[in-house]
């Protein structure tokens, strides 16, 4: 009798532990696009995995970044899920120095209410980058993004944004991007 009771409770505990791990996996698992698939889609070689990027030009705001010495490639984080996420990506080229011609765009960025809050400090516009958006492997948009850095809660962050539409025209690279792409 004791042996049966022991086996029953051991099995019950094992099932509870397995269920707990399955639920943890469901909540915390984030898909990662295959480097090989991304290299094939964007026709680039020797890409390095960067990680999560929050953006507004693709189907969902959850994007994933790869880079090489010339460009940053941003794809859907759910790239492996099928056609609706496939064949769309953004290329951000290496930056150019700011010129006097960019002063109007820079002033437009610095004047935005979203960036003039007390919790953002040390806001700097660093450089401008050509961005090209592809959907179904066709170029659908090309514009200039400006790279800005700012300090929030003792960490520095990096964002690429479109001066005319800050809310819907940006890619946030978080604190990891600040360290990785500050000199890009």
C-alpha atoms as a PDB file:
ATOM      1  CA  UNK A   1       0.000   0.000   0.000  1.00  0.00           C
ATOM      2  CA  UNK A   2       2.791   2.434   0.897  1.00  0.00           C
ATOM      3  CA  UNK A   3       4.544   1.617  -2.335  1.00  0.00           C
ATOM      4  CA  UNK A   4       1.418   2.443  -4.401  1.00  0.00           C
ATOM      5  CA  UNK A   5       0.901   5.690  -2.494  1.00  0.00           C
ATOM      6  CA  UNK A   6       4.536   6.657  -3.036  1.00  0.00           C
ATOM      7  CA  UNK A   7       4.308   5.949  -6.796  1.00  0.00           C
ATOM      8  CA  UNK A   8       1.042   7.923  -7.048  1.00  0.00           C
ATOM      9  CA  UNK A   9       2.413  11.018  -5.285  1.00  0.00           C
ATOM     10  CA  UNK A  10       5.734  10.826  -7.151  1.00  0.00           C
ATOM     11  CA  UNK A  11       3.857  10.722 -10.467  1.00  0.00           C
ATOM     12  CA  UNK A  12       1.629  13.604  -9.390  1.00  0.00           C
ATOM     13  CA  UNK A  13       4.623  15.735  -8.406  1.00  0.00           C
ATOM     14  CA  UNK A  14       6.394  14.898 -11.694  1.00  0.00           C
ATOM     15  CA  UNK A  15       3.286  15.923 -13.679  1.00  0.00           C
ATOM     16  CA  UNK A  16       2.998  19.203 -11.773  1.00  0.00           C
ATOM     17  CA  UNK A  17       6.661  20.027 -12.351  1.00  0.00           C
ATOM     18  CA  UNK A  18       6.393  19.213 -16.078  1.00  0.00           C
ATOM     19  CA  UNK A  19       3.245  21.338 -16.359  1.00  0.00           C
ATOM     20  CA  UNK A  20       4.994  24.218 -14.623  1.00  0.00           C
ATOM     21  CA  UNK A  21       7.926  24.082 -17.075  1.00  0.00           C
ATOM     22  CA  UNK A  22       5.595  23.857 -20.074  1.00  0.00           C
ATOM     23  CA  UNK A  23       3.712  26.952 -18.905  1.00  0.00           C
ATOM     24  CA  UNK A  24       7.008  28.810 -18.310  1.00  0.00           C
ATOM     25  CA  UNK A  25       8.148  27.891 -21.807  1.00  0.00           C
ATOM     26  CA  UNK A  26       4.889  29.133 -23.342  1.00  0.00           C
ATOM     27  CA  UNK A  27       5.151  32.506 -21.601  1.00  0.00           C
ATOM     28  CA  UNK A  28       8.852  33.206 -22.058  1.00  0.00           C
ATOM     29  CA  UNK A  29       9.744  31.622 -25.402  1.00  0.00           C
ATOM     30  CA  UNK A  30      10.393  34.150 -28.156  1.00  0.00           C
ATOM     31  CA  UNK A  31      11.058  32.813 -31.640  1.00  0.00           C
ATOM     32  CA  UNK A  32      14.322  33.687 -33.336  1.00  0.00           C
ATOM     33  CA  UNK A  33      14.642  33.879 -37.119  1.00  0.00           C
ATOM     34  CA  UNK A  34      17.181  31.577 -38.721  1.00  0.00           C
ATOM     35  CA  UNK A  35      20.369  33.378 -39.746  1.00  0.00           C
ATOM     36  CA  UNK A  36      20.578  31.286 -42.921  1.00  0.00           C
ATOM     37  CA  UNK A  37      17.006  32.188 -43.955  1.00  0.00           C
ATOM     38  CA  UNK A  38      17.665  35.882 -43.321  1.00  0.00           C
ATOM     39  CA  UNK A  39      20.916  35.842 -45.317  1.00  0.00           C
ATOM     40  CA  UNK A  40      19.078  34.210 -48.204  1.00  0.00           C
ATOM     41  CA  UNK A  41      16.126  36.621 -48.045  1.00  0.00           C
ATOM     42  CA  UNK A  42      18.178  39.839 -47.899  1.00  0.00           C
ATOM     43  CA  UNK A  43      20.981  38.569 -50.177  1.00  0.00           C
ATOM     44  CA  UNK A  44      23.722  39.339 -47.667  1.00  0.00           C
ATOM     45  CA  UNK A  45      26.517  37.218 -46.235  1.00  0.00           C
ATOM     46  CA  UNK A  46      28.294  37.030 -42.889  1.00  0.00           C
ATOM     47  CA  UNK A  47      25.424  38.429 -40.831  1.00  0.00           C
ATOM     48  CA  UNK A  48      25.758  38.608 -37.082  1.00  0.00           C
ATOM     49  CA  UNK A  49      22.752  38.095 -34.841  1.00  0.00           C
ATOM     50  CA  UNK A  50      21.900  41.239 -32.847  1.00  0.00           C
ATOM     51  CA  UNK A  51      18.614  40.435 -31.131  1.00  0.00           C
ATOM     52  CA  UNK A  52      15.231  42.000 -30.547  1.00  0.00           C
ATOM     53  CA  UNK A  53      14.351  45.320 -32.150  1.00  0.00           C
ATOM     54  CA  UNK A  54      11.098  47.203 -31.692  1.00  0.00           C
ATOM     55  CA  UNK A  55       9.911  48.784 -34.916  1.00  0.00           C
ATOM     56  CA  UNK A  56       6.998  50.123 -36.878  1.00  0.00           C
ATOM     57  CA  UNK A  57       7.671  49.390 -40.548  1.00  0.00           C
ATOM     58  CA  UNK A  58       6.936  45.666 -40.684  1.00  0.00           C
ATOM     59  CA  UNK A  59       3.797  43.629 -39.939  1.00  0.00           C
ATOM     60  CA  UNK A  60       4.303  43.545 -36.168  1.00  0.00           C
ATOM     61  CA  UNK A  61       6.380  45.709 -33.809  1.00  0.00           C
ATOM     62  CA  UNK A  62       8.346  42.645 -32.653  1.00  0.00           C
ATOM     63  CA  UNK A  63      11.296  42.572 -34.998  1.00  0.00           C
ATOM     64  CA  UNK A  64      14.728  40.987 -34.964  1.00  0.00           C
ATOM     65  CA  UNK A  65      18.038  42.500 -36.054  1.00  0.00           C
ATOM     66  CA  UNK A  66      21.094  41.206 -37.876  1.00  0.00           C
ATOM     67  CA  UNK A  67      24.067  43.224 -39.062  1.00  0.00           C
ATOM     68  CA  UNK A  68      27.309  43.151 -40.989  1.00  0.00           C
ATOM     69  CA  UNK A  69      29.958  45.826 -41.512  1.00  0.00           C
ATOM     70  CA  UNK A  70      27.803  47.784 -43.995  1.00  0.00           C
ATOM     71  CA  UNK A  71      24.175  47.542 -42.887  1.00  0.00           C
ATOM     72  CA  UNK A  72      21.629  46.536 -40.295  1.00  0.00           C
ATOM     73  CA  UNK A  73      18.913  44.125 -41.459  1.00  0.00           C
ATOM     74  CA  UNK A  74      15.629  44.028 -39.583  1.00  0.00           C
ATOM     75  CA  UNK A  75      13.156  41.185 -40.120  1.00  0.00           C
ATOM     76  CA  UNK A  76       9.993  39.954 -38.449  1.00  0.00           C
ATOM     77  CA  UNK A  77      10.694  38.073 -35.241  1.00  0.00           C
ATOM     78  CA  UNK A  78       8.033  35.581 -36.349  1.00  0.00           C
ATOM     79  CA  UNK A  79       9.712  35.029 -39.743  1.00  0.00           C
ATOM     80  CA  UNK A  80       9.474  31.245 -39.447  1.00  0.00           C
ATOM     81  CA  UNK A  81       5.672  31.325 -38.976  1.00  0.00           C
ATOM     82  CA  UNK A  82       4.769  31.618 -42.631  1.00  0.00           C
ATOM     83  CA  UNK A  83       3.982  33.782 -45.611  1.00  0.00           C
ATOM     84  CA  UNK A  84       2.386  36.766 -43.894  1.00  0.00           C
ATOM     85  CA  UNK A  85       5.650  37.426 -42.042  1.00  0.00           C
ATOM     86  CA  UNK A  86       7.976  36.336 -44.835  1.00  0.00           C
ATOM     87  CA  UNK A  87       9.665  38.415 -47.533  1.00  0.00           C
ATOM     88  CA  UNK A  88       9.549  41.736 -45.715  1.00  0.00           C
ATOM     89  CA  UNK A  89      12.563  43.411 -44.211  1.00  0.00           C
ATOM     90  CA  UNK A  90      14.265  46.743 -43.642  1.00  0.00           C
ATOM     91  CA  UNK A  91      17.845  47.694 -44.435  1.00  0.00           C
ATOM     92  CA  UNK A  92      19.493  50.543 -42.525  1.00  0.00           C
ATOM     93  CA  UNK A  93      22.745  51.593 -44.154  1.00  0.00           C
ATOM     94  CA  UNK A  94      25.837  52.917 -42.426  1.00  0.00           C
ATOM     95  CA  UNK A  95      25.425  56.495 -41.236  1.00  0.00           C
ATOM     96  CA  UNK A  96      26.444  59.788 -42.751  1.00  0.00           C
ATOM     97  CA  UNK A  97      27.571  62.853 -40.839  1.00  0.00           C
ATOM     98  CA  UNK A  98      24.976  65.505 -40.193  1.00  0.00           C
ATOM     99  CA  UNK A  99      25.191  68.647 -42.324  1.00  0.00           C
ATOM    100  CA  UNK A 100      23.677  72.130 -42.181  1.00  0.00           C
ATOM    101  CA  UNK A 101      20.942  70.886 -44.525  1.00  0.00           C
ATOM    102  CA  UNK A 102      19.792  68.522 -41.754  1.00  0.00           C
ATOM    103  CA  UNK A 103      19.251  71.285 -39.175  1.00  0.00           C
ATOM    104  CA  UNK A 104      15.519  71.571 -39.905  1.00  0.00           C
ATOM    105  CA  UNK A 105      15.004  67.825 -39.367  1.00  0.00           C
ATOM    106  CA  UNK A 106      17.144  67.896 -36.214  1.00  0.00           C
ATOM    107  CA  UNK A 107      15.133  70.804 -34.788  1.00  0.00           C
ATOM    108  CA  UNK A 108      11.946  68.944 -35.662  1.00  0.00           C
ATOM    109  CA  UNK A 109      13.158  65.921 -33.693  1.00  0.00           C
ATOM    110  CA  UNK A 110      14.295  67.958 -30.693  1.00  0.00           C
ATOM    111  CA  UNK A 111      10.981  69.852 -30.574  1.00  0.00           C
ATOM    112  CA  UNK A 112       8.777  66.740 -30.375  1.00  0.00           C
ATOM    113  CA  UNK A 113       6.781  66.513 -27.153  1.00  0.00           C
ATOM    114  CA  UNK A 114       7.426  62.756 -26.940  1.00  0.00           C
ATOM    115  CA  UNK A 115      11.132  63.506 -26.539  1.00  0.00           C
ATOM    116  CA  UNK A 116      10.788  66.509 -24.223  1.00  0.00           C
ATOM    117  CA  UNK A 117       9.829  64.609 -21.093  1.00  0.00           C
ATOM    118  CA  UNK A 118      11.597  64.771 -17.767  1.00  0.00           C
ATOM    119  CA  UNK A 119      12.502  61.094 -17.771  1.00  0.00           C
ATOM    120  CA  UNK A 120      14.597  61.378 -20.961  1.00  0.00           C
ATOM    121  CA  UNK A 121      17.903  63.183 -20.699  1.00  0.00           C
ATOM    122  CA  UNK A 122      21.081  63.628 -22.732  1.00  0.00           C
ATOM    123  CA  UNK A 123      19.147  63.483 -26.008  1.00  0.00           C
ATOM    124  CA  UNK A 124      21.551  63.673 -28.965  1.00  0.00           C
ATOM    125  CA  UNK A 125      21.037  63.370 -32.708  1.00  0.00           C
ATOM    126  CA  UNK A 126      24.132  61.511 -33.926  1.00  0.00           C
ATOM    127  CA  UNK A 127      23.867  60.741 -37.656  1.00  0.00           C
ATOM    128  CA  UNK A 128      21.496  60.025 -40.529  1.00  0.00           C
ATOM    129  CA  UNK A 129      20.995  56.675 -42.245  1.00  0.00           C
ATOM    130  CA  UNK A 130      19.264  55.617 -45.443  1.00  0.00           C
ATOM    131  CA  UNK A 131      16.469  53.154 -44.713  1.00  0.00           C
ATOM    132  CA  UNK A 132      14.889  50.934 -47.364  1.00  0.00           C
ATOM    133  CA  UNK A 133      11.730  48.907 -46.676  1.00  0.00           C
ATOM    134  CA  UNK A 134      11.032  45.771 -48.718  1.00  0.00           C
ATOM    135  CA  UNK A 135       7.737  43.869 -48.850  1.00  0.00           C
ATOM    136  CA  UNK A 136       7.367  40.782 -51.031  1.00  0.00           C
ATOM    137  CA  UNK A 137      11.001  41.417 -51.947  1.00  0.00           C
ATOM    138  CA  UNK A 138      10.088  44.720 -53.636  1.00  0.00           C
ATOM    139  CA  UNK A 139      11.258  48.131 -52.470  1.00  0.00           C
ATOM    140  CA  UNK A 140       8.206  49.993 -51.120  1.00  0.00           C
ATOM    141  CA  UNK A 141       9.764  52.873 -49.212  1.00  0.00           C
ATOM    142  CA  UNK A 142      13.046  54.687 -48.902  1.00  0.00           C
ATOM    143  CA  UNK A 143      13.756  57.511 -46.485  1.00  0.00           C
ATOM    144  CA  UNK A 144      16.302  58.960 -44.077  1.00  0.00           C
ATOM    145  CA  UNK A 145      16.268  57.945 -40.422  1.00  0.00           C
ATOM    146  CA  UNK A 146      18.168  59.855 -37.768  1.00  0.00           C
ATOM    147  CA  UNK A 147      20.068  58.007 -35.060  1.00  0.00           C
ATOM    148  CA  UNK A 148      19.402  59.443 -31.620  1.00  0.00           C
ATOM    149  CA  UNK A 149      20.691  58.456 -28.208  1.00  0.00           C
ATOM    150  CA  UNK A 150      19.192  59.306 -24.860  1.00  0.00           C
ATOM    151  CA  UNK A 151      19.483  58.409 -21.208  1.00  0.00           C
ATOM    152  CA  UNK A 152      16.557  56.854 -19.367  1.00  0.00           C
ATOM    153  CA  UNK A 153      16.705  55.474 -15.843  1.00  0.00           C
ATOM    154  CA  UNK A 154      20.544  55.514 -15.762  1.00  0.00           C
ATOM    155  CA  UNK A 155      20.858  53.535 -19.044  1.00  0.00           C
ATOM    156  CA  UNK A 156      21.637  54.870 -22.505  1.00  0.00           C
ATOM    157  CA  UNK A 157      19.405  53.863 -25.418  1.00  0.00           C
ATOM    158  CA  UNK A 158      19.679  54.087 -29.191  1.00  0.00           C
ATOM    159  CA  UNK A 159      16.811  54.685 -31.633  1.00  0.00           C
ATOM    160  CA  UNK A 160      16.560  55.326 -35.353  1.00  0.00           C
ATOM    161  CA  UNK A 161      13.620  57.586 -36.183  1.00  0.00           C
ATOM    162  CA  UNK A 162      11.902  59.506 -38.930  1.00  0.00           C
ATOM    163  CA  UNK A 163      11.668  63.225 -38.005  1.00  0.00           C
ATOM    164  CA  UNK A 164       8.178  63.717 -39.439  1.00  0.00           C
ATOM    165  CA  UNK A 165       6.559  60.827 -37.588  1.00  0.00           C
ATOM    166  CA  UNK A 166       8.297  59.835 -34.377  1.00  0.00           C
ATOM    167  CA  UNK A 167       5.574  57.515 -33.087  1.00  0.00           C
ATOM    168  CA  UNK A 168       5.208  55.430 -36.233  1.00  0.00           C
ATOM    169  CA  UNK A 169       8.571  55.873 -37.902  1.00  0.00           C
ATOM    170  CA  UNK A 170      11.211  54.371 -35.652  1.00  0.00           C
ATOM    171  CA  UNK A 171      13.294  51.388 -34.626  1.00  0.00           C
ATOM    172  CA  UNK A 172      14.248  51.073 -30.968  1.00  0.00           C
ATOM    173  CA  UNK A 173      17.487  49.182 -30.332  1.00  0.00           C
ATOM    174  CA  UNK A 174      17.301  49.540 -26.526  1.00  0.00           C
ATOM    175  CA  UNK A 175      20.418  49.665 -24.329  1.00  0.00           C
ATOM    176  CA  UNK A 176      22.141  46.784 -26.149  1.00  0.00           C
ATOM    177  CA  UNK A 177      21.933  48.729 -29.398  1.00  0.00           C
ATOM    178  CA  UNK A 178      23.545  51.753 -27.788  1.00  0.00           C
ATOM    179  CA  UNK A 179      26.695  49.779 -27.106  1.00  0.00           C
ATOM    180  CA  UNK A 180      26.637  47.929 -30.435  1.00  0.00           C
ATOM    181  CA  UNK A 181      25.683  50.644 -32.942  1.00  0.00           C
ATOM    182  CA  UNK A 182      26.802  53.960 -31.438  1.00  0.00           C
ATOM    183  CA  UNK A 183      29.665  54.200 -33.946  1.00  0.00           C
ATOM    184  CA  UNK A 184      27.718  52.706 -36.892  1.00  0.00           C
END
